[in-house]
C-alpha atoms as a PDB file:
ATOM      1  CA  MET A   1       0.000   0.000   0.000  1.00  0.00           C
ATOM      2  CA  LYS A   2       2.830   2.423   0.862  1.00  0.00           C
ATOM      3  CA  VAL A   3       4.494   1.662  -2.467  1.00  0.00           C
ATOM      4  CA  PHE A   4       1.205   2.429  -4.245  1.00  0.00           C
ATOM      5  CA  PHE A   5       0.792   5.813  -2.567  1.00  0.00           C
ATOM      6  CA  LYS A   6       4.434   6.718  -3.204  1.00  0.00           C
ATOM      7  CA  SER A   7       3.957   5.898  -6.878  1.00  0.00           C
ATOM      8  CA  LEU A   8       0.748   7.908  -7.009  1.00  0.00           C
ATOM      9  CA  LEU A   9       2.434  10.890  -5.357  1.00  0.00           C
ATOM     10  CA  LEU A  10       5.327  10.703  -7.812  1.00  0.00           C
ATOM     11  CA  CYS A  11       2.901  10.707 -10.752  1.00  0.00           C
ATOM     12  CA  LEU A  12       1.060  13.745  -9.417  1.00  0.00           C
ATOM     13  CA  ILE A  13       4.280  15.652  -8.801  1.00  0.00           C
ATOM     14  CA  THR A  14       5.552  14.797 -12.293  1.00  0.00           C
ATOM     15  CA  ALA A  15       2.287  15.981 -13.856  1.00  0.00           C
ATOM     16  CA  CYS A  16       2.487  19.307 -12.046  1.00  0.00           C
ATOM     17  CA  LEU A  17       6.111  19.852 -12.968  1.00  0.00           C
ATOM     18  CA  THR A  18       5.608  19.075 -16.648  1.00  0.00           C
ATOM     19  CA  ALA A  19       2.309  20.920 -17.159  1.00  0.00           C
ATOM     20  CA  GLY A  20       4.033  24.112 -18.258  1.00  0.00           C
ATOM     21  CA  ALA A  21       6.971  22.407 -19.945  1.00  0.00           C
ATOM     22  CA  PRO A  22       7.212  22.320 -23.738  1.00  0.00           C
ATOM     23  CA  PRO A  23       5.995  19.197 -25.551  1.00  0.00           C
ATOM     24  CA  GLN A  24       8.623  16.695 -26.592  1.00  0.00           C
ATOM     25  CA  ASN A  25       8.631  17.794 -30.226  1.00  0.00           C
ATOM     26  CA  ALA A  26       9.259  21.455 -29.380  1.00  0.00           C
ATOM     27  CA  ALA A  27      12.904  21.213 -30.467  1.00  0.00           C
ATOM     28  CA  ASN A  28      12.030  22.895 -33.776  1.00  0.00           C
ATOM     29  CA  VAL A  29      10.778  26.017 -31.981  1.00  0.00           C
ATOM     30  CA  ASN A  30      13.200  28.717 -30.910  1.00  0.00           C
ATOM     31  CA  TRP A  31      11.075  30.040 -28.038  1.00  0.00           C
ATOM     32  CA  LYS A  32      13.318  33.060 -27.557  1.00  0.00           C
ATOM     33  CA  LYS A  33      12.130  34.382 -30.914  1.00  0.00           C
ATOM     34  CA  VAL A  34       8.459  33.839 -30.129  1.00  0.00           C
ATOM     35  CA  LYS A  35       6.334  36.789 -29.014  1.00  0.00           C
ATOM     36  CA  VAL A  36       2.604  36.375 -28.460  1.00  0.00           C
ATOM     37  CA  LEU A  37      -0.218  38.826 -27.929  1.00  0.00           C
ATOM     38  CA  VAL A  38      -2.908  37.588 -25.549  1.00  0.00           C
ATOM     39  CA  TYR A  39      -5.981  39.575 -26.499  1.00  0.00           C
ATOM     40  CA  THR A  40      -8.789  39.688 -23.929  1.00  0.00           C
ATOM     41  CA  LYS A  41     -11.321  42.276 -25.088  1.00  0.00           C
ATOM     42  CA  ASN A  42     -15.028  41.389 -25.035  1.00  0.00           C
ATOM     43  CA  GLY A  43     -17.933  43.148 -26.677  1.00  0.00           C
ATOM     44  CA  LYS A  44     -21.301  43.744 -25.028  1.00  0.00           C
ATOM     45  CA  GLY A  45     -22.680  40.606 -23.425  1.00  0.00           C
ATOM     46  CA  TYR A  46     -21.410  37.768 -21.292  1.00  0.00           C
ATOM     47  CA  VAL A  47     -17.784  38.001 -20.144  1.00  0.00           C
ATOM     48  CA  HIS A  48     -16.028  34.856 -18.901  1.00  0.00           C
ATOM     49  CA  ASP A  49     -14.413  34.999 -15.480  1.00  0.00           C
ATOM     50  CA  ASN A  50     -11.652  32.687 -16.752  1.00  0.00           C
ATOM     51  CA  ILE A  51      -9.982  35.423 -18.808  1.00  0.00           C
ATOM     52  CA  PRO A  52      -7.500  36.789 -16.230  1.00  0.00           C
ATOM     53  CA  PHE A  53      -6.624  33.225 -15.202  1.00  0.00           C
ATOM     54  CA  ALA A  54      -6.011  32.239 -18.832  1.00  0.00           C
ATOM     55  CA  ALA A  55      -3.815  35.285 -19.418  1.00  0.00           C
ATOM     56  CA  LYS A  56      -1.826  34.623 -16.251  1.00  0.00           C
ATOM     57  CA  SER A  57      -1.312  30.960 -17.167  1.00  0.00           C
ATOM     58  CA  ILE A  58       0.055  31.902 -20.598  1.00  0.00           C
ATOM     59  CA  GLN A  59       2.355  34.482 -19.028  1.00  0.00           C
ATOM     60  CA  LYS A  60       3.663  31.732 -16.759  1.00  0.00           C
ATOM     61  CA  MET A  61       4.206  29.449 -19.773  1.00  0.00           C
ATOM     62  CA  GLY A  62       6.223  32.228 -21.361  1.00  0.00           C
ATOM     63  CA  GLN A  63       8.389  32.620 -18.255  1.00  0.00           C
ATOM     64  CA  GLU A  64       8.994  28.866 -18.045  1.00  0.00           C
ATOM     65  CA  ASN A  65       9.713  28.327 -21.734  1.00  0.00           C
ATOM     66  CA  GLY A  66      11.387  31.569 -22.711  1.00  0.00           C
ATOM     67  CA  PHE A  67       8.838  33.231 -24.976  1.00  0.00           C
ATOM     68  CA  THR A  68       7.504  36.766 -24.616  1.00  0.00           C
ATOM     69  CA  VAL A  69       3.881  37.437 -23.702  1.00  0.00           C
ATOM     70  CA  GLU A  70       2.036  40.724 -23.961  1.00  0.00           C
ATOM     71  CA  VAL A  71      -1.534  40.969 -22.645  1.00  0.00           C
ATOM     72  CA  SER A  72      -3.925  43.630 -23.915  1.00  0.00           C
ATOM     73  CA  ASP A  73      -7.606  44.454 -24.256  1.00  0.00           C
ATOM     74  CA  ASP A  74      -6.902  47.565 -26.337  1.00  0.00           C
ATOM     75  CA  PRO A  75      -8.092  47.201 -29.947  1.00  0.00           C
ATOM     76  CA  THR A  76      -5.856  50.041 -31.129  1.00  0.00           C
ATOM     77  CA  ILE A  77      -3.012  47.521 -31.059  1.00  0.00           C
ATOM     78  CA  PHE A  78      -4.468  46.167 -34.293  1.00  0.00           C
ATOM     79  CA  ASN A  79      -2.402  48.112 -36.750  1.00  0.00           C
ATOM     80  CA  GLU A  80       0.342  46.851 -39.020  1.00  0.00           C
ATOM     81  CA  ALA A  81       3.215  48.549 -37.205  1.00  0.00           C
ATOM     82  CA  LYS A  82       2.360  46.912 -33.871  1.00  0.00           C
ATOM     83  CA  LEU A  83       1.204  43.522 -35.146  1.00  0.00           C
ATOM     84  CA  LYS A  84       4.524  42.983 -36.934  1.00  0.00           C
ATOM     85  CA  ASP A  85       6.068  42.336 -33.520  1.00  0.00           C
ATOM     86  CA  PHE A  86       4.027  39.180 -32.817  1.00  0.00           C
ATOM     87  CA  THR A  87       4.531  35.575 -33.823  1.00  0.00           C
ATOM     88  CA  MET A  88       0.917  34.789 -32.970  1.00  0.00           C
ATOM     89  CA  LEU A  89      -2.234  36.250 -31.499  1.00  0.00           C
ATOM     90  CA  ILE A  90      -4.083  34.371 -28.746  1.00  0.00           C
ATOM     91  CA  PHE A  91      -7.742  35.216 -28.188  1.00  0.00           C
ATOM     92  CA  THR A  92      -8.733  33.875 -24.756  1.00  0.00           C
ATOM     93  CA  SER A  93     -12.510  33.581 -24.340  1.00  0.00           C
ATOM     94  CA  THR A  94     -13.138  36.673 -26.402  1.00  0.00           C
ATOM     95  CA  ASN A  95     -16.819  37.159 -27.194  1.00  0.00           C
ATOM     96  CA  ASN A  96     -18.964  39.307 -29.482  1.00  0.00           C
ATOM     97  CA  ASP A  97     -17.422  42.356 -31.201  1.00  0.00           C
ATOM     98  CA  VAL A  98     -13.807  42.846 -30.124  1.00  0.00           C
ATOM     99  CA  PHE A  99     -12.708  45.465 -32.641  1.00  0.00           C
ATOM    100  CA  ASP A 100     -13.806  49.092 -32.650  1.00  0.00           C
ATOM    101  CA  THR A 101     -13.285  49.842 -36.341  1.00  0.00           C
ATOM    102  CA  ASP A 102     -13.167  48.097 -39.689  1.00  0.00           C
ATOM    103  CA  ALA A 103      -9.610  49.390 -40.082  1.00  0.00           C
ATOM    104  CA  GLN A 104      -8.650  47.251 -37.065  1.00  0.00           C
ATOM    105  CA  ARG A 105     -10.437  44.267 -38.596  1.00  0.00           C
ATOM    106  CA  THR A 106      -8.572  44.774 -41.856  1.00  0.00           C
ATOM    107  CA  ALA A 107      -5.260  45.026 -39.999  1.00  0.00           C
ATOM    108  CA  PHE A 108      -6.023  41.749 -38.238  1.00  0.00           C
ATOM    109  CA  ARG A 109      -6.887  40.066 -41.517  1.00  0.00           C
ATOM    110  CA  ARG A 110      -3.740  41.364 -43.222  1.00  0.00           C
ATOM    111  CA  TYR A 111      -1.665  40.024 -40.319  1.00  0.00           C
ATOM    112  CA  ILE A 112      -3.110  36.554 -40.925  1.00  0.00           C
ATOM    113  CA  GLN A 113      -2.496  36.865 -44.667  1.00  0.00           C
ATOM    114  CA  ALA A 114       1.122  37.813 -43.962  1.00  0.00           C
ATOM    115  CA  GLY A 115       1.544  34.429 -42.267  1.00  0.00           C
ATOM    116  CA  GLY A 116       0.639  35.312 -38.697  1.00  0.00           C
ATOM    117  CA  GLY A 117      -0.421  32.624 -36.241  1.00  0.00           C
ATOM    118  CA  PHE A 118      -3.666  32.464 -34.306  1.00  0.00           C
ATOM    119  CA  VAL A 119      -4.727  30.493 -31.219  1.00  0.00           C
ATOM    120  CA  GLY A 120      -8.358  30.674 -30.096  1.00  0.00           C
ATOM    121  CA  VAL A 121      -9.622  29.491 -26.723  1.00  0.00           C
ATOM    122  CA  HIS A 122     -13.159  28.544 -25.652  1.00  0.00           C
ATOM    123  CA  SER A 123     -15.655  31.279 -26.609  1.00  0.00           C
ATOM    124  CA  VAL A 124     -13.460  32.564 -29.416  1.00  0.00           C
ATOM    125  CA  THR A 125     -16.095  30.995 -31.686  1.00  0.00           C
ATOM    126  CA  GLY A 126     -18.542  33.564 -30.304  1.00  0.00           C
ATOM    127  CA  THR A 127     -16.327  36.418 -31.485  1.00  0.00           C
ATOM    128  CA  GLU A 128     -17.172  38.768 -34.384  1.00  0.00           C
ATOM    129  CA  ARG A 129     -20.336  36.809 -35.216  1.00  0.00           C
ATOM    130  CA  ASN A 130     -21.327  39.100 -38.076  1.00  0.00           C
ATOM    131  CA  TRP A 131     -17.981  38.997 -39.898  1.00  0.00           C
ATOM    132  CA  THR A 132     -17.949  36.151 -42.410  1.00  0.00           C
ATOM    133  CA  TRP A 133     -14.180  36.095 -42.923  1.00  0.00           C
ATOM    134  CA  PHE A 134     -13.501  35.854 -39.179  1.00  0.00           C
ATOM    135  CA  LYS A 135     -15.992  33.001 -38.800  1.00  0.00           C
ATOM    136  CA  GLN A 136     -14.279  31.114 -41.609  1.00  0.00           C
ATOM    137  CA  MET A 137     -10.834  31.816 -40.150  1.00  0.00           C
ATOM    138  CA  VAL A 138     -11.776  30.618 -36.668  1.00  0.00           C
ATOM    139  CA  GLY A 139     -13.632  27.611 -38.117  1.00  0.00           C
ATOM    140  CA  GLY A 140     -17.273  28.483 -37.377  1.00  0.00           C
ATOM    141  CA  THR A 141     -19.456  30.470 -35.039  1.00  0.00           C
ATOM    142  CA  PHE A 142     -21.012  29.632 -31.678  1.00  0.00           C
ATOM    143  CA  VAL A 143     -24.701  28.708 -31.625  1.00  0.00           C
ATOM    144  CA  TRP A 144     -25.398  27.036 -28.240  1.00  0.00           C
ATOM    145  CA  HIS A 145     -23.886  25.033 -25.386  1.00  0.00           C
ATOM    146  CA  ALA A 146     -25.340  22.538 -22.957  1.00  0.00           C
ATOM    147  CA  LYS A 147     -25.190  23.542 -19.317  1.00  0.00           C
ATOM    148  CA  ASN A 148     -21.833  23.205 -17.601  1.00  0.00           C
ATOM    149  CA  GLN A 149     -21.386  19.571 -16.589  1.00  0.00           C
ATOM    150  CA  VAL A 150     -19.074  16.567 -16.656  1.00  0.00           C
ATOM    151  CA  PHE A 151     -18.648  14.970 -20.089  1.00  0.00           C
ATOM    152  CA  SER A 152     -15.823  13.533 -22.176  1.00  0.00           C
ATOM    153  CA  VAL A 153     -13.922  14.426 -25.305  1.00  0.00           C
ATOM    154  CA  LYS A 154     -12.199  11.918 -27.566  1.00  0.00           C
ATOM    155  CA  LEU A 155      -8.973  12.184 -29.539  1.00  0.00           C
ATOM    156  CA  ILE A 156      -9.641  12.060 -33.267  1.00  0.00           C
ATOM    157  CA  ASP A 157      -6.041  12.607 -34.356  1.00  0.00           C
ATOM    158  CA  PRO A 158      -3.777  11.386 -31.527  1.00  0.00           C
ATOM    159  CA  ALA A 159      -0.709  11.662 -33.788  1.00  0.00           C
ATOM    160  CA  HIS A 160      -1.057  15.413 -34.121  1.00  0.00           C
ATOM    161  CA  PRO A 161       1.684  17.329 -32.241  1.00  0.00           C
ATOM    162  CA  SER A 162      -0.847  19.316 -30.196  1.00  0.00           C
ATOM    163  CA  MET A 163      -2.440  16.082 -28.931  1.00  0.00           C
ATOM    164  CA  GLN A 164       0.704  14.491 -27.460  1.00  0.00           C
ATOM    165  CA  GLY A 165       0.206  12.782 -24.128  1.00  0.00           C
ATOM    166  CA  LEU A 166      -3.509  13.587 -23.832  1.00  0.00           C
ATOM    167  CA  PRO A 167      -5.955  10.844 -22.821  1.00  0.00           C
ATOM    168  CA  LYS A 168      -7.727   9.102 -25.689  1.00  0.00           C
ATOM    169  CA  VAL A 169     -10.906   9.662 -23.710  1.00  0.00           C
ATOM    170  CA  TRP A 170     -10.574  12.823 -21.638  1.00  0.00           C
ATOM    171  CA  GLU A 171     -13.236  13.377 -19.025  1.00  0.00           C
ATOM    172  CA  ARG A 172     -13.863  17.010 -18.223  1.00  0.00           C
ATOM    173  CA  SER A 173     -14.021  16.138 -14.549  1.00  0.00           C
ATOM    174  CA  LEU A 174     -14.355  19.735 -13.326  1.00  0.00           C
ATOM    175  CA  GLY A 175     -17.244  20.289 -15.698  1.00  0.00           C
ATOM    176  CA  ASP A 176     -17.074  22.243 -18.938  1.00  0.00           C
ATOM    177  CA  GLU A 177     -19.301  23.573 -21.697  1.00  0.00           C
ATOM    178  CA  CYS A 178     -19.861  21.527 -24.832  1.00  0.00           C
ATOM    179  CA  TYR A 179     -19.867  24.185 -27.537  1.00  0.00           C
ATOM    180  CA  PHE A 180     -21.930  23.680 -30.660  1.00  0.00           C
ATOM    181  CA  THR A 181     -20.773  25.557 -33.725  1.00  0.00           C
ATOM    182  CA  LYS A 182     -22.687  26.510 -36.849  1.00  0.00           C
ATOM    183  CA  GLU A 183     -21.248  27.486 -40.216  1.00  0.00           C
ATOM    184  CA  LEU A 184     -18.414  25.015 -39.652  1.00  0.00           C
ATOM    185  CA  TYR A 185     -15.747  25.806 -42.205  1.00  0.00           C
ATOM    186  CA  PRO A 186     -14.933  22.749 -44.370  1.00  0.00           C
ATOM    187  CA  GLY A 187     -11.200  23.412 -44.235  1.00  0.00           C
ATOM    188  CA  ILE A 188     -10.776  22.653 -40.535  1.00  0.00           C
ATOM    189  CA  LYS A 189      -8.987  19.478 -39.464  1.00  0.00           C
ATOM    190  CA  VAL A 190     -10.510  18.103 -36.265  1.00  0.00           C
ATOM    191  CA  THR A 191      -8.152  16.651 -33.657  1.00  0.00           C
ATOM    192  CA  MET A 192     -10.581  16.208 -30.742  1.00  0.00           C
ATOM    193  CA  ALA A 193     -14.357  15.834 -30.493  1.00  0.00           C
ATOM    194  CA  HIS A 194     -17.045  16.142 -27.854  1.00  0.00           C
ATOM    195  CA  ASP A 195     -18.551  12.755 -26.966  1.00  0.00           C
ATOM    196  CA  LEU A 196     -22.264  13.536 -27.148  1.00  0.00           C
ATOM    197  CA  THR A 197     -23.117  10.244 -25.418  1.00  0.00           C
ATOM    198  CA  SER A 198     -21.150  11.121 -22.261  1.00  0.00           C
ATOM    199  CA  PHE A 199     -23.156  13.946 -20.650  1.00  0.00           C
ATOM    200  CA  LYS A 200     -23.682  13.413 -16.932  1.00  0.00           C
ATOM    201  CA  ALA A 201     -26.498  15.924 -16.331  1.00  0.00           C
ATOM    202  CA  LEU A 202     -28.445  16.386 -19.555  1.00  0.00           C
ATOM    203  CA  ASP A 203     -32.141  17.147 -19.093  1.00  0.00           C
ATOM    204  CA  ALA A 204     -34.786  16.397 -21.729  1.00  0.00           C
ATOM    205  CA  ALA A 205     -34.880  19.937 -23.127  1.00  0.00           C
ATOM    206  CA  ASP A 206     -31.122  20.066 -23.582  1.00  0.00           C
ATOM    207  CA  ALA A 207     -31.112  16.576 -25.077  1.00  0.00           C
ATOM    208  CA  GLU A 208     -33.423  17.843 -27.812  1.00  0.00           C
ATOM    209  CA  LYS A 209     -31.148  20.807 -28.440  1.00  0.00           C
ATOM    210  CA  VAL A 210     -28.132  18.503 -28.708  1.00  0.00           C
ATOM    211  CA  LYS A 211     -29.974  16.643 -31.493  1.00  0.00           C
ATOM    212  CA  GLN A 212     -30.923  19.946 -33.119  1.00  0.00           C
ATOM    213  CA  TYR A 213     -27.497  21.572 -33.055  1.00  0.00           C
ATOM    214  CA  SER A 214     -25.339  18.529 -33.735  1.00  0.00           C
ATOM    215  CA  GLY A 215     -26.613  18.618 -37.313  1.00  0.00           C
ATOM    216  CA  PRO A 216     -25.100  15.860 -39.464  1.00  0.00           C
ATOM    217  CA  TYR A 217     -22.985  14.636 -36.547  1.00  0.00           C
ATOM    218  CA  LYS A 218     -24.310  11.897 -34.267  1.00  0.00           C
ATOM    219  CA  ASP A 219     -22.159  10.867 -31.302  1.00  0.00           C
ATOM    220  CA  LEU A 220     -19.153  13.152 -31.827  1.00  0.00           C
ATOM    221  CA  PHE A 221     -18.962  16.897 -32.500  1.00  0.00           C
ATOM    222  CA  PRO A 222     -15.818  18.950 -33.271  1.00  0.00           C
ATOM    223  CA  ALA A 223     -14.127  20.406 -30.161  1.00  0.00           C
ATOM    224  CA  VAL A 224     -10.534  21.168 -31.221  1.00  0.00           C
ATOM    225  CA  TRP A 225      -9.201  21.813 -34.710  1.00  0.00           C
ATOM    226  CA  TYR A 226      -6.560  23.522 -36.817  1.00  0.00           C
ATOM    227  CA  GLN A 227      -6.281  24.833 -40.340  1.00  0.00           C
ATOM    228  CA  ASN A 228      -4.260  26.990 -42.681  1.00  0.00           C
ATOM    229  CA  PHE A 229      -6.571  29.774 -43.796  1.00  0.00           C
ATOM    230  CA  ASP A 230      -5.904  32.781 -46.019  1.00  0.00           C
ATOM    231  CA  GLY A 231      -2.176  32.533 -45.371  1.00  0.00           C
ATOM    232  CA  GLY A 232      -2.238  32.062 -41.595  1.00  0.00           C
ATOM    233  CA  ASN A 233      -1.980  29.079 -39.251  1.00  0.00           C
ATOM    234  CA  ILE A 234      -4.935  28.601 -36.918  1.00  0.00           C
ATOM    235  CA  TRP A 235      -5.487  26.384 -33.838  1.00  0.00           C
ATOM    236  CA  VAL A 236      -8.719  26.474 -31.828  1.00  0.00           C
ATOM    237  CA  THR A 237      -9.921  24.711 -28.681  1.00  0.00           C
ATOM    238  CA  THR A 238     -13.491  25.203 -27.518  1.00  0.00           C
ATOM    239  CA  LEU A 239     -12.635  23.703 -24.120  1.00  0.00           C
ATOM    240  CA  GLY A 240     -11.725  25.690 -21.013  1.00  0.00           C
ATOM    241  CA  HIS A 241     -14.826  27.389 -19.598  1.00  0.00           C
ATOM    242  CA  ASN A 242     -13.993  26.971 -15.906  1.00  0.00           C
ATOM    243  CA  LYS A 243     -11.291  29.221 -14.509  1.00  0.00           C
ATOM    244  CA  GLU A 244      -9.916  26.275 -12.523  1.00  0.00           C
ATOM    245  CA  TYR A 245      -8.710  24.657 -15.745  1.00  0.00           C
ATOM    246  CA  TYR A 246      -6.020  27.314 -16.075  1.00  0.00           C
ATOM    247  CA  GLN A 247      -4.274  25.711 -13.110  1.00  0.00           C
ATOM    248  CA  GLU A 248      -5.042  22.113 -14.130  1.00  0.00           C
ATOM    249  CA  PRO A 249      -1.945  20.326 -15.515  1.00  0.00           C
ATOM    250  CA  MET A 250      -3.574  18.404 -18.360  1.00  0.00           C
ATOM    251  CA  PHE A 251      -5.484  21.384 -19.717  1.00  0.00           C
ATOM    252  CA  LEU A 252      -2.358  23.557 -19.523  1.00  0.00           C
ATOM    253  CA  LYS A 253      -0.494  20.862 -21.458  1.00  0.00           C
ATOM    254  CA  HIS A 254      -3.264  20.930 -24.068  1.00  0.00           C
ATOM    255  CA  LEU A 255      -3.079  24.715 -24.382  1.00  0.00           C
ATOM    256  CA  LEU A 256       0.710  24.910 -24.461  1.00  0.00           C
ATOM    257  CA  GLN A 257       0.909  22.264 -27.161  1.00  0.00           C
ATOM    258  CA  GLY A 258      -1.519  24.268 -29.283  1.00  0.00           C
ATOM    259  CA  ILE A 259       0.687  27.337 -28.852  1.00  0.00           C
ATOM    260  CA  GLN A 260       3.771  25.277 -29.623  1.00  0.00           C
ATOM    261  CA  PHE A 261       2.173  23.850 -32.765  1.00  0.00           C
ATOM    262  CA  ILE A 262       1.393  27.301 -34.145  1.00  0.00           C
ATOM    263  CA  ALA A 263       4.880  28.524 -33.210  1.00  0.00           C
ATOM    264  CA  SER A 264       6.379  25.574 -35.101  1.00  0.00           C
ATOM    265  CA  GLN A 265       4.438  26.557 -38.238  1.00  0.00           C
ATOM    266  CA  SER A 266       5.307  30.236 -38.073  1.00  0.00           C
ATOM    267  CA  LYS A 267       7.768  31.991 -40.331  1.00  0.00           C
ATOM    268  CA  LYS A 268       8.761  35.608 -40.709  1.00  0.00           C
ATOM    269  CA  LEU A 269       5.762  37.738 -41.606  1.00  0.00           C
ATOM    270  CA  ASP A 270       5.566  38.634 -45.287  1.00  0.00           C
ATOM    271  CA  TYR A 271       3.207  41.535 -45.862  1.00  0.00           C
ATOM    272  CA  THR A 272       3.693  41.322 -49.630  1.00  0.00           C
ATOM    273  CA  LYS A 273       1.181  38.461 -49.378  1.00  0.00           C
ATOM    274  CA  ALA A 274      -1.372  40.580 -47.522  1.00  0.00           C
ATOM    275  CA  TYR A 275      -3.754  41.535 -50.314  1.00  0.00           C
ATOM    276  CA  ALA A 276      -6.924  42.602 -48.474  1.00  0.00           C
ATOM    277  CA  GLN A 277      -7.677  46.307 -48.558  1.00  0.00           C
ATOM    278  CA  SER A 278     -10.919  45.827 -46.643  1.00  0.00           C
ATOM    279  CA  LYS A 279     -12.167  43.347 -44.073  1.00  0.00           C
ATOM    280  CA  ASP A 280     -14.571  41.755 -46.573  1.00  0.00           C
ATOM    281  CA  ALA A 281     -12.326  41.429 -49.614  1.00  0.00           C
ATOM    282  CA  PRO A 282     -12.949  38.054 -51.356  1.00  0.00           C
ATOM    283  CA  VAL A 283     -10.674  35.260 -50.152  1.00  0.00           C
ATOM    284  CA  ARG A 284      -8.112  34.148 -52.722  1.00  0.00           C
ATOM    285  CA  TYR A 285      -8.301  30.386 -52.320  1.00  0.00           C
END
C-alpha cells in the first residue's frame, strides 16, 4: 500500500512539474524568438471569469519556456506597425465584437495573410459573429452550449503534435461547456471531439437541443481543430470554460501544445502576401 501511494504521489508531482513544460517535439521552436499577444477584449454581453486566469497561465508558460507574452484588451493595437512584432495572437474567451473599427479588422486580416499565427480558446467561436471572414478563419461560429457539466472528449487525431500525451478519452471532470458551432468551415482538421453520449447531467430539453445543433454529426462533434486559412496558421480549442482549468496540468499541457504547434508553423511575416484592402475582400483560395 505504501508503495502504491508513493507511486501515485510521484505521478502527481511529475504531472504538475511538466504541465508548463514544452511538448517533446518542441525542439524545432526557438522560443526566444516567439512573441505572443494575448488579447482579452469582449464586446457587449457575457464576459467569462476565466480570462484573467487564462492570461496569467500563458504568461507563466512564457516565463517557463522563454517566450515573450504581452496581454492587452486595447483594440488600437491592431495596426500593421504593432502587429509585426508578434509571432501569434491568442484570443482567450473573447466574445462578441472585439474590434472598434473596420480598419482594425482589416489590420487583423492582413496580419493573418502575412503568415501570422492564431490560437483561439473557448468562446473565441462567439467572437465577431457578423464577420464572415472571421468566422471562416476561426472555423465556425457559436450557436449554443449545454449547461456546464461533466462529459468527455475523444482524440480524433492522436498523432497530431498538439495532442501528445492527452488521454484518448478525456473526461472534463471539473465540468465544462460543450460548444456547438454553426457554419463550420470545411477546411478545418478536427483533432478532438465532444462525446455527445457522455453527458452526466443532460435534461430532456437540452437533449433535444443537442440533437438539433449537432446537425449531421451523431455521437461526436468537433471540439478542437486547426487549419491553414488565407495565409495564416490557426489552432482552436473550444474547451476551457472553468477558470480552474487554467491551473489544471492536463489542460495547460493541451493549451501549451496548441501554442507550440502554431509557433512551429510560423515563419517571418511577409506583408507582400497581404492583399486585403478591406475586411470583406474576397478570399483568394
